[in-house]
């Protein structure tokens, strides 16, 4: 099995569970973007295609797809399979209880074209409290031949009563070498040392998170340089300002967090860390940092983080918060 899905140990364990239970639920948890949802999709597709022979699954030894199995696969990957129910977050908004009520209705139905039903929730942290309680009741009433896959980026945020009713599997972070190998094979990327430092700082070598923003080479470091130069260079040109307008909002926040962290680290340690790229070193050296300026940056940054959390809850304009913060620190 390809490493982007899961380790061999996880694959073998899940295979045993599928063969011991006619219905069960899993939580795949770990860092965002390391293949949890990809593996859930992979398993779901294979389960929908399969028939248990002698009541036994073997994940990697399915026969060649017949016409019905091929139909199952096409429907699944087109998100139109009648025996699949998927709940996923949209624009960082919570998944409401109404959606979980639809899930409960789905559970009461018999499979249409497969022998099994599949439920995927990505991510479970996005469920409201009421939705969590409703899901808990649904898990207790799940019918035979139903498999549930819950995706979590932080297991600590999943209520304990749900955790107690599922099989939990932790997906390890991707190493630098694995990241380079995956991206080289799939997207033909090659990375400089400076780019790898940024990938580590911003995405922790998560291939899923990186690909979410970048599908071509050299764009990351170019975007980062333009964004940082825009608010650290006095009287930035309209051309430079226009270059950063199209940068994704979440990416802007990652850029700010990384740069502010490097500023504070340099002031405290009186030297640059190995996770600071050369461009940042030149910019930070020219800031003439002193305790007054650093206190201002630190206090405004903490306020900015607090306002960001509120903005996500109340759906406020985050772009305005970013602009206000950058004007306040006035670098």
Foldseek 3Di string as FASTA:
>chain_A
DDVLAADPVVLVVVQVVQLVAQEAEEEEEAAPQSHQVVNLLLQVLQLQLDDQDVSHDDSPDDDPGDPLSVVSNVCSVVVNQLQEAEAEDDPLAADELVSLVVVLVSQPDQHDRGNAHEYEYHAPLRYDPNNLVSVLVSLVVGDGRYYYYHYYHDCVSRDVSVVVRHHYDYGDQDDLVRLQVVCCVPQVEDDDPLVSLLCCQQPVSRNRVVVVQDRDPPPVVVLLLLLVCQLLPPPDDPVSVVVNPPHDPVVSVSSVVSLLVQLLVCVVVVDGDPSDDPSSVVSSVVVPDDPVLNVQLVVLVVVLVVVVVVCSVVVHDNVVSVVVSSVRSRD
